[in-house]
Structures are given as C-alpha cells and as structure tokens.
Amino acid sequence: MYKAIFFDIDDTLLNFSVANRSAFVKSFGEFNLHHDDLTYSTYKQINHLLWERQKLGQITVQDVINNRFKELFTALKVEINHDHFRDTFQGNLAKEHTLEEGAAEAIQYLSQKYKLFAASNSILLQQKARLHLAGLLPHFSDLYVSDDVGYEKPDQRFFQTCLARSNIAKEEILFIGDSLEADIKGATSCEIPTCWYNPKQLKNEQNLNITYTIQHLSDLTKIL
C-alpha cells in the first residue's frame, strides 16, 4: 500500500510547453528582438536535443540552461549577451504556472490520502516559485529538484537521495511522470512503482514494466 506519491513537475503538473513559449516571447520582447515561428522552432529543436543529451547523462541540466540560447543566437547570427538573455528567460520562466488539465483536482484529492513530494530536473527556487503561483506548493511535504539534490533523473542516485530524504520505503511510493527516460526508467531502475502520465498516447518503446499508465490526471482518482 502506498504512503507517498512523487510527482514530476514539468509536463506532468505544469504545462511546460505553454510556459516555455510564453517565457521565450516575453524575453525576446524585453530585448527588442524580432522573432517568428521559425525562430521558436529553431529554439525548440536545440532545446530538445540538449535535453535528450541530458537524459543520456552526456551533459547536465545546467549545461542545457547555459547553452541553449548560446546555440540559438549562433544559429541566428545574432550578437547578444546570451548569459544575460538566459537569466532573463529563467526569470520569466519562474513566473509561468499553467496547470496541466486536472492537476489541481488530482493534487487536492491525493493530498488528503498520501504524503506528496515533487521530483524535478530543474532549479529549486524556480520550481518552488511556479508551484506557489499555481497554488500547489502547500500540498507538498518536500521538493526534490536536481540542482539541490546533486543528481539528475534518470540517475539512480537522484531517486536514492529522494528515498533517503523522504524516509519512505520504495515499495510504498508511486512515482508519476511523463518522461519514459527520465521518470519511468529512472524510478523503475530503483524498483519504485511507476505511473506514466501519457496524454499523447505514446508507445512504450523501451518496453518498460510500468505499474500504471494514465492519459488524464483525473484517472488517478480511479487507481488511488
């Protein structure tokens, strides 16, 4: 029987696609830079490839944050202080808090039955601010974010540190996330039961042994 639920944050509780684009548009506006759909598409491709490398353990989350705009402005042939732009973007991103459909209701329901924890590859202060703005922060017993934990999903040490800090046995935890590689594979490697949030109905191409698969967060009220 589960005692705690671990939630990934981006694209599980908070819609990162919406947050990413909004922070991008606001940051370009603050720098008086022209952008169009092609500009954003180029950024998305660069960002995606960097995150894929992070999941393979080739680079860190901070490397993704540091390099995506450096690579973007190189590709656009725009001379700009990309570190300053990065910081502006991160500041704008910290204010974005669009919820995934059904997230607030699911958290409200589950918080009455289980201890809740968040587990994310990101920056602690940023994720804490976003969860606060979304009205979810009070429901969580603790936040485990990679820059604070010292390891990143899917590294087993990330999950082991979360287990140690929560002081809850792995079989008494259900880990919910959208990423097969970072969330499900990482948790499974530590023998933590998993719930794959899969609204796009993607295929389990890695043939991972997943405890539950849901398409909507409201489905959690049926299995928990």
Protein backbone atom coordinates (compact mmCIF):
# COMPACT_ATOMS: atom_id res chain seq x y z
CA MET A 1 0.00 0.00 0.00
CA TYR A 2 1.33 3.39 -0.98
CA LYS A 3 2.16 6.00 1.64
CA ALA A 4 3.50 8.69 -0.69
CA ILE A 5 3.20 9.97 -4.24
CA PHE A 6 6.16 11.50 -6.07
CA PHE A 7 5.27 13.86 -8.92
CA ASP A 8 7.43 15.11 -11.73
CA ILE A 9 6.60 18.78 -12.34
CA ASP A 10 7.05 19.88 -15.95
CA ASP A 11 4.54 18.38 -18.39
CA THR A 12 3.08 16.38 -15.51
CA LEU A 13 1.66 19.02 -13.16
CA LEU A 14 2.61 22.22 -15.01
CA ASN A 15 2.36 22.62 -18.77
CA PHE A 16 5.94 23.30 -19.80
CA SER A 17 5.16 23.85 -23.49
CA VAL A 18 2.98 26.83 -22.63
CA ALA A 19 5.49 28.13 -20.07
CA ASN A 20 8.42 27.75 -22.43
CA ARG A 21 6.82 29.67 -25.28
CA SER A 22 5.46 32.43 -23.03
CA ALA A 23 8.85 32.99 -21.37
CA PHE A 24 10.51 32.95 -24.81
CA VAL A 25 8.16 35.59 -26.26
CA LYS A 26 8.44 37.83 -23.18
CA SER A 27 12.24 37.62 -23.17
CA PHE A 28 12.55 38.44 -26.87
CA GLY A 29 10.26 41.40 -26.29
CA GLU A 30 12.36 42.69 -23.40
CA PHE A 31 15.45 42.60 -25.63
CA ASN A 32 13.58 44.16 -28.57
CA LEU A 33 14.49 41.18 -30.72
CA HIS A 34 12.46 40.06 -33.72
CA HIS A 35 11.15 36.51 -33.60
CA ASP A 36 8.71 34.40 -35.58
CA ASP A 37 7.55 30.80 -35.69
CA LEU A 38 10.79 29.71 -37.36
CA THR A 39 12.82 31.34 -34.58
CA TYR A 40 10.88 29.47 -31.94
CA SER A 41 11.03 26.23 -33.91
CA THR A 42 14.81 26.54 -34.08
CA TYR A 43 14.95 27.11 -30.33
CA LYS A 44 12.69 24.13 -29.64
CA GLN A 45 14.89 21.84 -31.72
CA ILE A 46 18.06 23.00 -29.97
CA ASN A 47 16.40 22.71 -26.56
CA HIS A 48 15.04 19.22 -27.33
CA LEU A 49 18.40 17.89 -28.48
CA LEU A 50 20.14 19.26 -25.39
CA TRP A 51 17.56 17.66 -23.08
CA GLU A 52 17.97 14.35 -24.89
CA ARG A 53 21.71 14.53 -24.22
CA GLN A 54 20.98 15.29 -20.56
CA LYS A 55 18.81 12.19 -20.25
CA LEU A 56 21.68 10.14 -21.64
CA GLY A 57 23.99 11.57 -18.99
CA GLN A 58 26.17 13.38 -21.54
CA ILE A 59 25.51 16.86 -20.13
CA THR A 60 23.86 18.36 -17.04
CA VAL A 61 20.66 20.35 -16.60
CA GLN A 62 22.80 23.45 -16.05
CA ASP A 63 24.55 22.76 -19.36
CA VAL A 64 21.15 22.78 -21.07
CA ILE A 65 20.25 26.09 -19.44
CA ASN A 66 23.64 27.64 -20.23
CA ASN A 67 23.94 26.53 -23.85
CA ARG A 68 20.51 26.60 -25.49
CA PHE A 69 20.44 30.35 -26.14
CA LYS A 70 24.13 30.43 -26.93
CA GLU A 71 23.46 27.89 -29.69
CA LEU A 72 20.28 29.65 -30.77
CA PHE A 73 21.86 33.08 -31.23
CA THR A 74 24.82 31.49 -33.00
CA ALA A 75 22.40 29.84 -35.42
CA LEU A 76 20.51 33.13 -35.87
CA LYS A 77 23.77 35.05 -36.28
CA VAL A 78 22.66 37.50 -33.59
CA GLU A 79 25.29 39.12 -31.40
CA ILE A 80 23.95 39.36 -27.87
CA ASN A 81 24.98 38.64 -24.30
CA HIS A 82 23.41 35.20 -24.19
CA ASP A 83 24.09 34.84 -20.46
CA HIS A 84 22.03 37.95 -19.79
CA PHE A 85 19.29 36.63 -22.04
CA ARG A 86 19.44 33.25 -20.28
CA ASP A 87 18.94 34.91 -16.90
CA THR A 88 16.03 36.98 -18.22
CA PHE A 89 14.41 33.89 -19.69
CA GLN A 90 14.86 31.93 -16.44
CA GLY A 91 13.29 34.80 -14.51
CA ASN A 92 10.30 34.86 -16.84
CA LEU A 93 10.00 31.08 -16.74
CA ALA A 94 9.80 31.16 -12.94
CA LYS A 95 6.57 33.15 -13.27
CA GLU A 96 4.88 30.67 -15.60
CA HIS A 97 2.48 28.29 -13.90
CA THR A 98 -0.15 26.97 -16.32
CA LEU A 99 -1.54 23.75 -14.87
CA GLU A 100 -1.99 20.51 -16.73
CA GLU A 101 -5.68 19.70 -17.06
CA GLY A 102 -6.95 18.12 -13.86
CA ALA A 103 -3.74 18.76 -11.90
CA ALA A 104 -5.26 20.92 -9.16
CA GLU A 105 -8.11 18.48 -8.58
CA ALA A 106 -5.78 15.47 -8.51
CA ILE A 107 -3.41 17.11 -6.02
CA GLN A 108 -6.29 18.19 -3.79
CA TYR A 109 -7.68 14.63 -3.78
CA LEU A 110 -4.36 12.85 -3.26
CA SER A 111 -3.09 15.22 -0.57
CA GLN A 112 -5.89 14.02 1.70
CA LYS A 113 -4.71 10.40 1.40
CA TYR A 114 -0.94 10.47 0.86
CA LYS A 115 2.19 12.47 1.51
CA LEU A 116 3.13 14.29 -1.69
CA PHE A 117 6.61 15.08 -2.98
CA ALA A 118 7.79 16.76 -6.17
CA ALA A 119 10.83 15.43 -8.07
CA SER A 120 12.17 17.51 -10.94
CA ASN A 121 15.20 18.14 -13.12
CA SER A 122 15.43 21.89 -12.77
CA ILE A 123 16.27 24.73 -10.39
CA LEU A 124 14.77 24.51 -6.89
CA LEU A 125 13.90 28.20 -6.44
CA GLN A 126 12.31 28.32 -9.89
CA GLN A 127 10.13 25.25 -9.36
CA LYS A 128 9.17 26.35 -5.86
CA ALA A 129 8.03 29.72 -7.22
CA ARG A 130 6.00 28.12 -10.02
CA LEU A 131 4.27 25.64 -7.70
CA HIS A 132 3.49 28.50 -5.32
CA LEU A 133 1.93 30.59 -8.09
CA ALA A 134 -0.06 27.56 -9.24
CA GLY A 135 -1.43 27.10 -5.71
CA LEU A 136 0.06 23.62 -5.34
CA LEU A 137 3.04 24.22 -3.06
CA PRO A 138 1.22 23.85 0.31
CA HIS A 139 0.25 20.28 -0.60
CA PHE A 140 3.86 19.06 -0.87
CA SER A 141 5.90 17.74 2.04
CA ASP A 142 9.17 18.39 0.19
CA LEU A 143 10.60 19.29 -3.21
CA TYR A 144 13.44 17.26 -4.70
CA VAL A 145 14.98 19.29 -7.51
CA SER A 146 18.19 18.28 -9.26
CA ASP A 147 20.27 21.39 -8.51
CA ASP A 148 19.55 20.86 -4.80
CA VAL A 149 19.64 17.05 -4.78
CA GLY A 150 23.01 16.99 -6.54
CA TYR A 151 21.99 14.38 -9.11
CA GLU A 152 19.62 14.37 -12.08
CA LYS A 153 16.97 11.97 -13.32
CA PRO A 154 17.36 9.24 -14.58
CA ASP A 155 20.50 8.77 -12.45
CA GLN A 156 19.70 6.20 -9.76
CA ARG A 157 21.41 8.44 -7.20
CA PHE A 158 18.69 11.06 -7.71
CA PHE A 159 15.99 8.56 -6.75
CA GLN A 160 18.05 7.05 -3.94
CA THR A 161 18.57 10.52 -2.44
CA CYS A 162 14.84 11.21 -2.67
CA LEU A 163 14.09 7.94 -0.90
CA ALA A 164 16.58 8.72 1.85
CA ARG A 165 15.24 12.23 2.38
CA SER A 166 11.61 11.14 2.44
CA ASN A 167 12.39 8.20 4.75
CA ILE A 168 9.75 6.13 2.96
CA ALA A 169 10.36 2.64 1.54
CA LYS A 170 10.48 2.37 -2.25
CA GLU A 171 7.57 -0.08 -2.41
CA GLU A 172 5.40 2.43 -0.53
CA ILE A 173 5.91 5.13 -3.19
CA LEU A 174 4.27 5.70 -6.57
CA PHE A 175 6.32 7.86 -8.95
CA ILE A 176 4.25 9.78 -11.52
CA GLY A 177 5.87 11.40 -14.56
CA ASP A 178 5.57 12.00 -18.28
CA SER A 179 9.08 11.08 -19.42
CA LEU A 180 9.77 7.41 -20.14
CA GLU A 181 13.52 8.01 -19.97
CA ALA A 182 13.90 10.40 -17.04
CA ASP A 183 10.94 9.46 -14.84
CA ILE A 184 9.78 5.93 -15.56
CA LYS A 185 13.09 4.30 -16.47
CA GLY A 186 14.85 6.08 -13.61
CA ALA A 187 12.29 5.10 -10.99
CA THR A 188 11.99 1.55 -12.33
CA SER A 189 15.76 1.09 -12.09
CA CYS A 190 15.36 1.69 -8.34
CA GLU A 191 12.36 -0.65 -8.11
CA ILE A 192 9.96 2.19 -7.38
CA PRO A 193 6.38 1.61 -8.67
CA THR A 194 5.55 3.97 -11.53
CA CYS A 195 2.64 5.73 -13.19
CA TRP A 196 3.26 7.02 -16.69
CA TYR A 197 1.29 10.17 -17.46
CA ASN A 198 0.84 9.73 -21.19
CA PRO A 199 -1.78 12.18 -22.56
CA LYS A 200 -0.45 11.88 -26.11
CA GLN A 201 -0.82 8.08 -26.02
CA LEU A 202 2.80 7.46 -26.98
CA LYS A 203 4.15 3.93 -27.31
CA ASN A 204 6.23 2.34 -24.56
CA GLU A 205 9.11 1.85 -27.00
CA GLN A 206 11.50 0.80 -24.25
CA ASN A 207 9.14 -1.95 -23.07
CA LEU A 208 9.47 -0.75 -19.50
CA ASN A 209 7.50 -2.52 -16.80
CA ILE A 210 5.09 0.28 -15.84
CA THR A 211 2.70 -0.15 -12.92
CA TYR A 212 0.02 2.20 -14.28
CA THR A 213 -0.47 4.28 -17.42
CA ILE A 214 -2.92 7.18 -17.47
CA GLN A 215 -3.99 9.67 -20.14
CA HIS A 216 -5.58 12.19 -17.78
CA LEU A 217 -4.65 13.19 -14.26
CA SER A 218 -8.24 12.62 -13.18
CA ASP A 219 -7.57 8.91 -13.77
CA LEU A 220 -5.52 8.97 -10.56
CA THR A 221 -8.72 9.12 -8.53
CA LYS A 222 -9.69 5.74 -10.02
CA ILE A 223 -6.47 3.93 -9.13
CA LEU A 224 -5.51 5.64 -5.86
